[in-house]
Amino acid sequence: LRPCGSFEAGATRVRTTGAEVEPGARNTWLGLRGAVRALAWVHPRVAPVLSVGAVVPMFRTDYRVGDDVLISTAPVAFSATLGIELALGRQPSE
Protein backbone atom coordinates (compact mmCIF):
# COMPACT_ATOMS: atom_id res chain seq x y z
CA LEU A 1 0.00 0.00 0.00
CA ARG A 2 1.25 3.45 -0.88
CA PRO A 3 -0.17 6.74 0.42
CA CYS A 4 -0.88 9.37 -2.21
CA GLY A 5 -2.48 12.77 -2.46
CA SER A 6 -3.74 15.02 -5.21
CA PHE A 7 -5.36 18.32 -6.01
CA GLU A 8 -8.54 18.16 -8.08
CA ALA A 9 -10.20 20.91 -10.09
CA GLY A 10 -13.46 20.87 -12.00
CA ALA A 11 -16.86 22.47 -12.16
CA THR A 12 -20.40 21.82 -11.04
CA ARG A 13 -23.32 22.73 -13.24
CA VAL A 14 -27.03 22.82 -12.49
CA ARG A 15 -29.78 23.14 -15.09
CA THR A 16 -33.23 24.18 -13.89
CA THR A 17 -36.67 24.95 -15.30
CA GLY A 18 -39.53 26.96 -13.90
CA ALA A 19 -40.77 30.51 -13.74
CA GLU A 20 -39.13 31.32 -10.39
CA VAL A 21 -35.56 30.24 -11.08
CA GLU A 22 -32.63 31.12 -13.33
CA PRO A 23 -32.14 28.63 -16.20
CA GLY A 24 -28.85 27.33 -14.78
CA ALA A 25 -25.84 27.91 -12.60
CA ARG A 26 -22.23 26.73 -12.47
CA ASN A 27 -19.36 27.02 -10.06
CA THR A 28 -15.69 26.05 -9.88
CA TRP A 29 -14.91 23.01 -7.76
CA LEU A 30 -11.53 22.56 -6.03
CA GLY A 31 -10.63 19.76 -3.66
CA LEU A 32 -7.84 17.86 -1.94
CA ARG A 33 -7.71 14.06 -2.12
CA GLY A 34 -5.88 11.69 0.19
CA ALA A 35 -5.79 7.98 -0.52
CA VAL A 36 -3.94 4.71 -0.28
CA ARG A 37 -3.29 2.70 -3.38
CA ALA A 38 -2.28 -0.86 -4.09
CA LEU A 39 -0.63 -1.98 -7.28
CA ALA A 40 0.76 -5.27 -8.61
CA TRP A 41 3.31 -5.35 -11.40
CA VAL A 42 2.05 -7.95 -13.90
CA HIS A 43 4.66 -6.88 -16.45
CA PRO A 44 7.87 -4.85 -15.93
CA ARG A 45 6.00 -1.70 -17.05
CA VAL A 46 2.30 -2.45 -16.40
CA ALA A 47 0.40 -2.68 -13.10
CA PRO A 48 -3.32 -2.68 -12.20
CA VAL A 49 -4.01 -0.07 -9.48
CA LEU A 50 -6.76 0.18 -6.84
CA SER A 51 -7.01 3.43 -4.87
CA VAL A 52 -9.38 4.22 -1.98
CA GLY A 53 -9.56 7.54 -0.15
CA ALA A 54 -11.43 10.72 0.66
CA VAL A 55 -11.95 14.02 -1.17
CA VAL A 56 -12.40 17.27 0.78
CA PRO A 57 -13.67 20.33 -1.12
CA MET A 58 -11.65 23.51 -0.52
CA PHE A 59 -14.92 25.45 -0.38
CA ARG A 60 -18.53 24.28 -0.33
CA THR A 61 -21.15 25.24 -2.89
CA ASP A 62 -24.89 25.50 -2.25
CA TYR A 63 -27.44 25.93 -5.03
CA ARG A 64 -30.56 27.66 -3.74
CA VAL A 65 -33.98 28.87 -4.78
CA GLY A 66 -34.81 31.64 -2.34
CA ASP A 67 -33.98 30.27 1.10
CA ASP A 68 -34.39 26.61 0.05
CA VAL A 69 -31.16 24.65 -0.54
CA LEU A 70 -31.56 22.36 -3.57
CA ILE A 71 -28.03 20.93 -3.77
CA SER A 72 -25.17 21.21 -1.30
CA THR A 73 -21.58 20.00 -1.64
CA ALA A 74 -20.74 17.31 0.93
CA PRO A 75 -17.97 18.20 3.43
CA VAL A 76 -16.14 14.92 2.64
CA ALA A 77 -16.71 12.36 -0.11
CA PHE A 78 -15.55 8.75 -0.54
CA SER A 79 -13.33 8.11 -3.54
CA ALA A 80 -12.34 4.87 -5.28
CA THR A 81 -10.34 4.41 -8.47
CA LEU A 82 -9.48 1.33 -10.48
CA GLY A 83 -6.96 1.73 -13.29
CA ILE A 84 -3.76 0.67 -14.99
CA GLU A 85 -0.36 2.24 -14.36
CA LEU A 86 2.05 2.39 -17.27
CA ALA A 87 5.67 3.02 -16.29
CA LEU A 88 7.15 4.35 -19.51
CA GLY A 89 10.55 5.23 -18.07
CA ARG A 90 10.84 2.31 -15.63
CA GLN A 91 13.70 -0.13 -16.12
CA PRO A 92 12.85 -3.85 -15.72
CA SER A 93 15.32 -4.22 -12.82
CA GLU A 94 13.57 -1.57 -10.63
PDB file of N, CA and C in Angstrom:
ATOM      1  N   LEU A   1       0.845  -1.191   0.000  1.00  0.00           N
ATOM      2  CA  LEU A   1       0.000   0.000   0.000  1.00  0.00           C
ATOM      3  C   LEU A   1       0.879   1.239   0.000  1.00  0.00           C
ATOM      4  N   ARG A   2       0.504   2.204  -0.800  1.00  0.00           N
ATOM      5  CA  ARG A   2       1.247   3.453  -0.881  1.00  0.00           C
ATOM      6  C   ARG A   2       0.295   4.623  -0.635  1.00  0.00           C
ATOM      7  N   PRO A   3       0.662   5.546   0.260  1.00  0.00           N
ATOM      8  CA  PRO A   3      -0.167   6.741   0.422  1.00  0.00           C
ATOM      9  C   PRO A   3       0.036   7.681  -0.774  1.00  0.00           C
ATOM     10  N   CYS A   4      -0.998   8.394  -1.131  1.00  0.00           N
ATOM     11  CA  CYS A   4      -0.877   9.371  -2.206  1.00  0.00           C
ATOM     12  C   CYS A   4      -1.864  10.506  -1.967  1.00  0.00           C
ATOM     13  N   GLY A   5      -1.609  11.616  -2.576  1.00  0.00           N
ATOM     14  CA  GLY A   5      -2.482  12.775  -2.461  1.00  0.00           C
ATOM     15  C   GLY A   5      -2.556  13.495  -3.791  1.00  0.00           C
ATOM     16  N   SER A   6      -3.601  14.280  -3.961  1.00  0.00           N
ATOM     17  CA  SER A   6      -3.737  15.019  -5.213  1.00  0.00           C
ATOM     18  C   SER A   6      -4.609  16.248  -4.991  1.00  0.00           C
ATOM     19  N   PHE A   7      -4.523  17.132  -5.942  1.00  0.00           N
ATOM     20  CA  PHE A   7      -5.359  18.320  -6.013  1.00  0.00           C
ATOM     21  C   PHE A   7      -6.295  18.112  -7.192  1.00  0.00           C
ATOM     22  N   GLU A   8      -7.579  18.365  -7.004  1.00  0.00           N
ATOM     23  CA  GLU A   8      -8.544  18.165  -8.077  1.00  0.00           C
ATOM     24  C   GLU A   8      -9.249  19.473  -8.386  1.00  0.00           C
ATOM     25  N   ALA A   9      -9.496  19.706  -9.653  1.00  0.00           N
ATOM     26  CA  ALA A   9     -10.204  20.907 -10.093  1.00  0.00           C
ATOM     27  C   ALA A   9     -11.261  20.502 -11.106  1.00  0.00           C
ATOM     28  N   GLY A  10     -12.374  21.164 -11.065  1.00  0.00           N
ATOM     29  CA  GLY A  10     -13.456  20.865 -11.995  1.00  0.00           C
ATOM     30  C   GLY A  10     -14.536  21.917 -11.868  1.00  0.00           C
ATOM     31  N   ALA A  11     -15.736  21.541 -12.238  1.00  0.00           N
ATOM     32  CA  ALA A  11     -16.859  22.468 -12.164  1.00  0.00           C
ATOM     33  C   ALA A  11     -18.138  21.699 -11.878  1.00  0.00           C
ATOM     34  N   THR A  12     -19.052  22.362 -11.213  1.00  0.00           N
ATOM     35  CA  THR A  12     -20.396  21.824 -11.036  1.00  0.00           C
ATOM     36  C   THR A  12     -21.332  22.664 -11.893  1.00  0.00           C
ATOM     37  N   ARG A  13     -22.356  22.026 -12.402  1.00  0.00           N
ATOM     38  CA  ARG A  13     -23.317  22.735 -13.238  1.00  0.00           C
ATOM     39  C   ARG A  13     -24.710  22.230 -12.904  1.00  0.00           C
ATOM     40  N   VAL A  14     -25.644  23.156 -12.792  1.00  0.00           N
ATOM     41  CA  VAL A  14     -27.030  22.821 -12.487  1.00  0.00           C
ATOM     42  C   VAL A  14     -27.910  23.436 -13.569  1.00  0.00           C
ATOM     43  N   ARG A  15     -28.822  22.643 -14.114  1.00  0.00           N
ATOM     44  CA  ARG A  15     -29.775  23.144 -15.094  1.00  0.00           C
ATOM     45  C   ARG A  15     -31.166  23.051 -14.473  1.00  0.00           C
ATOM     46  N   THR A  16     -31.920  24.124 -14.532  1.00  0.00           N
ATOM     47  CA  THR A  16     -33.228  24.176 -13.891  1.00  0.00           C
ATOM     48  C   THR A  16     -34.283  24.672 -14.873  1.00  0.00           C
ATOM     49  N   THR A  17     -35.538  24.413 -14.532  1.00  0.00           N
ATOM     50  CA  THR A  17     -36.667  24.948 -15.297  1.00  0.00           C
ATOM     51  C   THR A  17     -37.696  25.466 -14.315  1.00  0.00           C
ATOM     52  N   GLY A  18     -38.487  26.398 -14.753  1.00  0.00           N
ATOM     53  CA  GLY A  18     -39.531  26.956 -13.899  1.00  0.00           C
ATOM     54  C   GLY A  18     -39.512  28.469 -13.976  1.00  0.00           C
ATOM     55  N   ALA A  19     -40.634  29.068 -13.630  1.00  0.00           N
ATOM     56  CA  ALA A  19     -40.775  30.515 -13.739  1.00  0.00           C
ATOM     57  C   ALA A  19     -39.991  31.265 -12.663  1.00  0.00           C
ATOM     58  N   GLU A  20     -39.729  30.618 -11.527  1.00  0.00           N
ATOM     59  CA  GLU A  20     -39.130  31.317 -10.390  1.00  0.00           C
ATOM     60  C   GLU A  20     -37.611  31.212 -10.317  1.00  0.00           C
ATOM     61  N   VAL A  21     -36.989  30.477 -11.215  1.00  0.00           N
ATOM     62  CA  VAL A  21     -35.558  30.236 -11.085  1.00  0.00           C
ATOM     63  C   VAL A  21     -34.806  30.644 -12.347  1.00  0.00           C
ATOM     64  N   GLU A  22     -33.507  30.872 -12.184  1.00  0.00           N
ATOM     65  CA  GLU A  22     -32.632  31.118 -13.326  1.00  0.00           C
ATOM     66  C   GLU A  22     -32.515  29.809 -14.116  1.00  0.00           C
ATOM     67  N   PRO A  23     -32.204  29.870 -15.411  1.00  0.00           N
ATOM     68  CA  PRO A  23     -32.139  28.627 -16.201  1.00  0.00           C
ATOM     69  C   PRO A  23     -30.972  27.708 -15.852  1.00  0.00           C
ATOM     70  N   GLY A  24     -29.968  28.192 -15.155  1.00  0.00           N
ATOM     71  CA  GLY A  24     -28.849  27.333 -14.785  1.00  0.00           C
ATOM     72  C   GLY A  24     -27.814  28.081 -13.983  1.00  0.00           C
ATOM     73  N   ALA A  25     -26.919  27.317 -13.389  1.00  0.00           N
ATOM     74  CA  ALA A  25     -25.837  27.911 -12.604  1.00  0.00           C
ATOM     75  C   ALA A  25     -24.640  26.986 -12.678  1.00  0.00           C
ATOM     76  N   ARG A  26     -23.460  27.539 -12.491  1.00  0.00           N
ATOM     77  CA  ARG A  26     -22.234  26.732 -12.468  1.00  0.00           C
ATOM     78  C   ARG A  26     -21.265  27.366 -11.483  1.00  0.00           C
ATOM     79  N   ASN A  27     -20.334  26.545 -11.027  1.00  0.00           N
ATOM     80  CA  ASN A  27     -19.358  27.024 -10.064  1.00  0.00           C
ATOM     81  C   ASN A  27     -18.100  26.170 -10.178  1.00  0.00           C
ATOM     82  N   THR A  28     -16.966  26.773  -9.895  1.00  0.00           N
ATOM     83  CA  THR A  28     -15.695  26.052  -9.884  1.00  0.00           C
ATOM     84  C   THR A  28     -15.641  25.135  -8.670  1.00  0.00           C
ATOM     85  N   TRP A  29     -15.064  23.953  -8.859  1.00  0.00           N
ATOM     86  CA  TRP A  29     -14.910  23.007  -7.758  1.00  0.00           C
ATOM     87  C   TRP A  29     -13.427  22.705  -7.588  1.00  0.00           C
ATOM     88  N   LEU A  30     -12.921  22.873  -6.362  1.00  0.00           N
ATOM     89  CA  LEU A  30     -11.533  22.564  -6.033  1.00  0.00           C
ATOM     90  C   LEU A  30     -11.524  21.662  -4.807  1.00  0.00           C
ATOM     91  N   GLY A  31     -10.664  20.665  -4.797  1.00  0.00           N
ATOM     92  CA  GLY A  31     -10.626  19.758  -3.657  1.00  0.00           C
ATOM     93  C   GLY A  31      -9.267  19.117  -3.476  1.00  0.00           C
ATOM     94  N   LEU A  32      -9.056  18.601  -2.276  1.00  0.00           N
ATOM     95  CA  LEU A  32      -7.844  17.859  -1.943  1.00  0.00           C
ATOM     96  C   LEU A  32      -8.230  16.408  -1.722  1.00  0.00           C
ATOM     97  N   ARG A  33      -7.413  15.490  -2.229  1.00  0.00           N
ATOM     98  CA  ARG A  33      -7.712  14.061  -2.117  1.00  0.00           C
ATOM     99  C   ARG A  33      -6.546  13.364  -1.437  1.00  0.00           C
ATOM    100  N   GLY A  34      -6.851  12.544  -0.455  1.00  0.00           N
ATOM    101  CA  GLY A  34      -5.877  11.685   0.193  1.00  0.00           C
ATOM    102  C   GLY A  34      -6.331  10.249   0.036  1.00  0.00           C
ATOM    103  N   ALA A  35      -5.401   9.363  -0.259  1.00  0.00           N
ATOM    104  CA  ALA A  35      -5.793   7.977  -0.524  1.00  0.00           C
ATOM    105  C   ALA A  35      -4.628   7.033  -0.257  1.00  0.00           C
ATOM    106  N   VAL A  36      -4.948   5.766  -0.244  1.00  0.00           N
ATOM    107  CA  VAL A  36      -3.936   4.714  -0.275  1.00  0.00           C
ATOM    108  C   VAL A  36      -4.193   3.927  -1.556  1.00  0.00           C
ATOM    109  N   ARG A  37      -3.123   3.455  -2.157  1.00  0.00           N
ATOM    110  CA  ARG A  37      -3.286   2.696  -3.385  1.00  0.00           C
ATOM    111  C   ARG A  37      -2.454   1.427  -3.335  1.00  0.00           C
ATOM    112  N   ALA A  38      -2.976   0.421  -3.977  1.00  0.00           N
ATOM    113  CA  ALA A  38      -2.278  -0.859  -4.091  1.00  0.00           C
ATOM    114  C   ALA A  38      -2.078  -1.136  -5.566  1.00  0.00           C
ATOM    115  N   LEU A  39      -0.894  -1.619  -5.899  1.00  0.00           N
ATOM    116  CA  LEU A  39      -0.626  -1.979  -7.282  1.00  0.00           C
ATOM    117  C   LEU A  39       0.182  -3.262  -7.332  1.00  0.00           C
ATOM    118  N   ALA A  40       0.047  -3.996  -8.424  1.00  0.00           N
ATOM    119  CA  ALA A  40       0.755  -5.270  -8.607  1.00  0.00           C
ATOM    120  C   ALA A  40       1.338  -5.285 -10.009  1.00  0.00           C
ATOM    121  N   TRP A  41       2.666  -5.345 -10.094  1.00  0.00           N
ATOM    122  CA  TRP A  41       3.314  -5.347 -11.404  1.00  0.00           C
ATOM    123  C   TRP A  41       3.096  -6.713 -12.064  1.00  0.00           C
ATOM    124  N   VAL A  42       2.306  -6.725 -13.135  1.00  0.00           N
ATOM    125  CA  VAL A  42       2.054  -7.951 -13.899  1.00  0.00           C
ATOM    126  C   VAL A  42       2.986  -8.046 -15.100  1.00  0.00           C
ATOM    127  N   HIS A  43       3.693  -6.995 -15.359  1.00  0.00           N
ATOM    128  CA  HIS A  43       4.665  -6.883 -16.446  1.00  0.00           C
ATOM    129  C   HIS A  43       5.666  -5.838 -15.956  1.00  0.00           C
ATOM    130  N   PRO A  44       6.904  -5.835 -16.431  1.00  0.00           N
ATOM    131  CA  PRO A  44       7.867  -4.850 -15.935  1.00  0.00           C
ATOM    132  C   PRO A  44       7.401  -3.392 -16.027  1.00  0.00           C
ATOM    133  N   ARG A  45       6.444  -3.093 -16.900  1.00  0.00           N
ATOM    134  CA  ARG A  45       5.997  -1.702 -17.048  1.00  0.00           C
ATOM    135  C   ARG A  45       4.485  -1.514 -16.922  1.00  0.00           C
ATOM    136  N   VAL A  46       3.759  -2.540 -16.492  1.00  0.00           N
ATOM    137  CA  VAL A  46       2.298  -2.454 -16.403  1.00  0.00           C
ATOM    138  C   VAL A  46       1.826  -3.003 -15.058  1.00  0.00           C
ATOM    139  N   ALA A  47       0.946  -2.230 -14.380  1.00  0.00           N
ATOM    140  CA  ALA A  47       0.403  -2.685 -13.096  1.00  0.00           C
ATOM    141  C   ALA A  47      -1.046  -2.224 -12.952  1.00  0.00           C
ATOM    142  N   PRO A  48      -1.978  -3.126 -12.578  1.00  0.00           N
ATOM    143  CA  PRO A  48      -3.316  -2.675 -12.197  1.00  0.00           C
ATOM    144  C   PRO A  48      -3.223  -1.949 -10.849  1.00  0.00           C
ATOM    145  N   VAL A  49      -4.059  -0.914 -10.680  1.00  0.00           N
ATOM    146  CA  VAL A  49      -4.014  -0.075  -9.479  1.00  0.00           C
ATOM    147  C   VAL A  49      -5.412   0.047  -8.894  1.00  0.00           C
ATOM    148  N   LEU A  50      -5.523  -0.089  -7.573  1.00  0.00           N
ATOM    149  CA  LEU A  50      -6.756   0.176  -6.838  1.00  0.00           C
ATOM    150  C   LEU A  50      -6.439   1.243  -5.806  1.00  0.00           C
ATOM    151  N   SER A  51      -7.216   2.316  -5.802  1.00  0.00           N
ATOM    152  CA  SER A  51      -7.007   3.427  -4.871  1.00  0.00           C
ATOM    153  C   SER A  51      -8.309   3.716  -4.133  1.00  0.00           C
ATOM    154  N   VAL A  52      -8.224   3.911  -2.814  1.00  0.00           N
ATOM    155  CA  VAL A  52      -9.381   4.224  -1.984  1.00  0.00           C
ATOM    156  C   VAL A  52      -9.003   5.391  -1.081  1.00  0.00           C
ATOM    157  N   GLY A  53      -9.891   6.382  -0.984  1.00  0.00           N
ATOM    158  CA  GLY A  53      -9.561   7.535  -0.147  1.00  0.00           C
ATOM    159  C   GLY A  53     -10.747   8.458   0.068  1.00  0.00           C
ATOM    160  N   ALA A  54     -10.422   9.704   0.386  1.00  0.00           N
ATOM    161  CA  ALA A  54     -11.433  10.724   0.658  1.00  0.00           C
ATOM    162  C   ALA A  54     -11.074  12.005  -0.075  1.00  0.00           C
ATOM    163  N   VAL A  55     -12.112  12.731  -0.506  1.00  0.00           N
ATOM    164  CA  VAL A  55     -11.955  14.021  -1.166  1.00  0.00           C
ATOM    165  C   VAL A  55     -12.614  15.077  -0.294  1.00  0.00           C
ATOM    166  N   VAL A  56     -11.884  16.168  -0.034  1.00  0.00           N
ATOM    167  CA  VAL A  56     -12.398  17.268   0.781  1.00  0.00           C
ATOM    168  C   VAL A  56     -12.432  18.525  -0.093  1.00  0.00           C
ATOM    169  N   PRO A  57     -13.625  19.113  -0.316  1.00  0.00           N
ATOM    170  CA  PRO A  57     -13.674  20.333  -1.116  1.00  0.00           C
ATOM    171  C   PRO A  57     -13.010  21.495  -0.378  1.00  0.00           C
ATOM    172  N   MET A  58     -12.312  22.351  -1.128  1.00  0.00           N
ATOM    173  CA  MET A  58     -11.647  23.505  -0.516  1.00  0.00           C
ATOM    174  C   MET A  58     -12.662  24.579  -0.117  1.00  0.00           C
ATOM    175  N   PHE A  59     -13.797  24.609  -0.787  1.00  0.00           N
ATOM    176  CA  PHE A  59     -14.920  25.449  -0.380  1.00  0.00           C
ATOM    177  C   PHE A  59     -16.188  24.730  -0.796  1.00  0.00           C
ATOM    178  N   ARG A  60     -17.267  24.979  -0.074  1.00  0.00           N
ATOM    179  CA  ARG A  60     -18.526  24.281  -0.330  1.00  0.00           C
ATOM    180  C   ARG A  60     -19.457  25.160  -1.141  1.00  0.00           C
ATOM    181  N   THR A  61     -20.216  24.531  -2.021  1.00  0.00           N
ATOM    182  CA  THR A  61     -21.150  25.236  -2.887  1.00  0.00           C
ATOM    183  C   THR A  61     -22.568  24.799  -2.556  1.00  0.00           C
ATOM    184  N   ASP A  62     -23.459  25.765  -2.424  1.00  0.00           N
ATOM    185  CA  ASP A  62     -24.887  25.499  -2.253  1.00  0.00           C
ATOM    186  C   ASP A  62     -25.631  26.128  -3.422  1.00  0.00           C
ATOM    187  N   TYR A  63     -26.539  25.377  -4.020  1.00  0.00           N
ATOM    188  CA  TYR A  63     -27.436  25.926  -5.029  1.00  0.00           C
ATOM    189  C   TYR A  63     -28.788  26.096  -4.369  1.00  0.00           C
ATOM    190  N   ARG A  64     -29.339  27.307  -4.466  1.00  0.00           N
ATOM    191  CA  ARG A  64     -30.558  27.656  -3.743  1.00  0.00           C
ATOM    192  C   ARG A  64     -31.614  28.254  -4.667  1.00  0.00           C
ATOM    193  N   VAL A  65     -32.850  28.114  -4.237  1.00  0.00           N
ATOM    194  CA  VAL A  65     -33.979  28.871  -4.783  1.00  0.00           C
ATOM    195  C   VAL A  65     -34.578  29.580  -3.590  1.00  0.00           C
ATOM    196  N   GLY A  66     -34.392  30.889  -3.517  1.00  0.00           N
ATOM    197  CA  GLY A  66     -34.815  31.635  -2.340  1.00  0.00           C
ATOM    198  C   GLY A  66     -33.990  31.173  -1.148  1.00  0.00           C
ATOM    199  N   ASP A  67     -34.670  30.776  -0.086  1.00  0.00           N
ATOM    200  CA  ASP A  67     -33.981  30.267   1.102  1.00  0.00           C
ATOM    201  C   ASP A  67     -33.839  28.743   1.102  1.00  0.00           C
ATOM    202  N   ASP A  68     -34.426  28.065   0.117  1.00  0.00           N
ATOM    203  CA  ASP A  68     -34.394  26.607   0.054  1.00  0.00           C
ATOM    204  C   ASP A  68     -33.110  26.128  -0.629  1.00  0.00           C
ATOM    205  N   VAL A  69     -32.373  25.235   0.042  1.00  0.00           N
ATOM    206  CA  VAL A  69     -31.165  24.645  -0.539  1.00  0.00           C
ATOM    207  C   VAL A  69     -31.576  23.441  -1.380  1.00  0.00           C
ATOM    208  N   LEU A  70     -31.240  23.481  -2.677  1.00  0.00           N
ATOM    209  CA  LEU A  70     -31.556  22.362  -3.570  1.00  0.00           C
ATOM    210  C   LEU A  70     -30.440  21.335  -3.587  1.00  0.00           C
ATOM    211  N   ILE A  71     -29.195  21.804  -3.712  1.00  0.00           N
ATOM    212  CA  ILE A  71     -28.033  20.926  -3.771  1.00  0.00           C
ATOM    213  C   ILE A  71     -26.927  21.552  -2.938  1.00  0.00           C
ATOM    214  N   SER A  72     -26.272  20.732  -2.131  1.00  0.00           N
ATOM    215  CA  SER A  72     -25.170  21.208  -1.304  1.00  0.00           C
ATOM    216  C   SER A  72     -23.991  20.257  -1.455  1.00  0.00           C
ATOM    217  N   THR A  73     -22.780  20.814  -1.559  1.00  0.00           N
ATOM    218  CA  THR A  73     -21.580  20.001  -1.644  1.00  0.00           C
ATOM    219  C   THR A  73     -21.320  19.327  -0.297  1.00  0.00           C
ATOM    220  N   ALA A  74     -21.033  18.041  -0.308  1.00  0.00           N
ATOM    221  CA  ALA A  74     -20.735  17.313   0.928  1.00  0.00           C
ATOM    222  C   ALA A  74     -19.398  17.784   1.502  1.00  0.00           C
ATOM    223  N   PRO A  75     -19.241  17.769   2.832  1.00  0.00           N
ATOM    224  CA  PRO A  75     -17.972  18.201   3.426  1.00  0.00           C
ATOM    225  C   PRO A  75     -16.827  17.230   3.148  1.00  0.00           C
ATOM    226  N   VAL A  76     -17.134  15.947   2.971  1.00  0.00           N
ATOM    227  CA  VAL A  76     -16.142  14.916   2.640  1.00  0.00           C
ATOM    228  C   VAL A  76     -16.841  13.878   1.770  1.00  0.00           C
ATOM    229  N   ALA A  77     -16.136  13.380   0.765  1.00  0.00           N
ATOM    230  CA  ALA A  77     -16.711  12.356  -0.110  1.00  0.00           C
ATOM    231  C   ALA A  77     -15.761  11.174  -0.212  1.00  0.00           C
ATOM    232  N   PHE A  78     -16.314   9.982  -0.342  1.00  0.00           N
ATOM    233  CA  PHE A  78     -15.550   8.754  -0.539  1.00  0.00           C
ATOM    234  C   PHE A  78     -15.073   8.709  -1.986  1.00  0.00           C
ATOM    235  N   SER A  79     -13.896   8.184  -2.199  1.00  0.00           N
ATOM    236  CA  SER A  79     -13.327   8.106  -3.540  1.00  0.00           C
ATOM    237  C   SER A  79     -12.712   6.729  -3.753  1.00  0.00           C
ATOM    238  N   ALA A  80     -12.962   6.140  -4.918  1.00  0.00           N
ATOM    239  CA  ALA A  80     -12.339   4.865  -5.283  1.00  0.00           C
ATOM    240  C   ALA A  80     -11.981   4.913  -6.762  1.00  0.00           C
ATOM    241  N   THR A  81     -10.817   4.402  -7.093  1.00  0.00           N
ATOM    242  CA  THR A  81     -10.337   4.415  -8.474  1.00  0.00           C
ATOM    243  C   THR A  81      -9.740   3.055  -8.806  1.00  0.00           C
ATOM    244  N   LEU A  82     -10.074   2.554  -9.963  1.00  0.00           N
ATOM    245  CA  LEU A  82      -9.484   1.331 -10.481  1.00  0.00           C
ATOM    246  C   LEU A  82      -8.876   1.685 -11.835  1.00  0.00           C
ATOM    247  N   GLY A  83      -7.602   1.351 -12.037  1.00  0.00           N
ATOM    248  CA  GLY A  83      -6.957   1.729 -13.288  1.00  0.00           C
ATOM    249  C   GLY A  83      -5.740   0.888 -13.586  1.00  0.00           C
ATOM    250  N   ILE A  84      -4.992   1.338 -14.572  1.00  0.00           N
ATOM    251  CA  ILE A  84      -3.759   0.670 -14.985  1.00  0.00           C
ATOM    252  C   ILE A  84      -2.647   1.707 -14.978  1.00  0.00           C
ATOM    253  N   GLU A  85      -1.532   1.361 -14.361  1.00  0.00           N
ATOM    254  CA  GLU A  85      -0.364   2.236 -14.357  1.00  0.00           C
ATOM    255  C   GLU A  85       0.620   1.742 -15.405  1.00  0.00           C
ATOM    256  N   LEU A  86       1.047   2.682 -16.252  1.00  0.00           N
ATOM    257  CA  LEU A  86       2.047   2.392 -17.269  1.00  0.00           C
ATOM    258  C   LEU A  86       3.317   3.135 -16.891  1.00  0.00           C
ATOM    259  N   ALA A  87       4.392   2.419 -16.675  1.00  0.00           N
ATOM    260  CA  ALA A  87       5.674   3.018 -16.295  1.00  0.00           C
ATOM    261  C   ALA A  87       6.537   3.103 -17.533  1.00  0.00           C
ATOM    262  N   LEU A  88       6.451   4.209 -18.243  1.00  0.00           N
ATOM    263  CA  LEU A  88       7.151   4.346 -19.512  1.00  0.00           C
ATOM    264  C   LEU A  88       8.661   4.459 -19.348  1.00  0.00           C
ATOM    265  N   GLY A  89       9.131   5.069 -18.253  1.00  0.00           N
ATOM    266  CA  GLY A  89      10.554   5.227 -18.068  1.00  0.00           C
ATOM    267  C   GLY A  89      11.165   4.217 -17.122  1.00  0.00           C
ATOM    268  N   ARG A  90      10.389   3.278 -16.641  1.00  0.00           N
ATOM    269  CA  ARG A  90      10.844   2.307 -15.635  1.00  0.00           C
ATOM    270  C   ARG A  90      11.715   1.231 -16.286  1.00  0.00           C
ATOM    271  N   GLN A  91      12.816   0.928 -15.651  1.00  0.00           N
ATOM    272  CA  GLN A  91      13.701  -0.132 -16.116  1.00  0.00           C
ATOM    273  C   GLN A  91      13.228  -1.468 -15.519  1.00  0.00           C
ATOM    274  N   PRO A  92      13.314  -2.560 -16.234  1.00  0.00           N
ATOM    275  CA  PRO A  92      12.846  -3.849 -15.725  1.00  0.00           C
ATOM    276  C   PRO A  92      13.484  -4.277 -14.409  1.00  0.00           C
ATOM    277  N   SER A  93      14.664  -3.813 -14.055  1.00  0.00           N
ATOM    278  CA  SER A  93      15.320  -4.222 -12.820  1.00  0.00           C
ATOM    279  C   SER A  93      14.832  -3.440 -11.603  1.00  0.00           C
ATOM    280  N   GLU A  94      14.011  -2.401 -11.772  1.00  0.00           N
ATOM    281  CA  GLU A  94      13.569  -1.567 -10.630  1.00  0.00           C
ATOM    282  C   GLU A  94      12.449  -2.207  -9.854  1.00  0.00           C
TER     283      GLU A  94
END
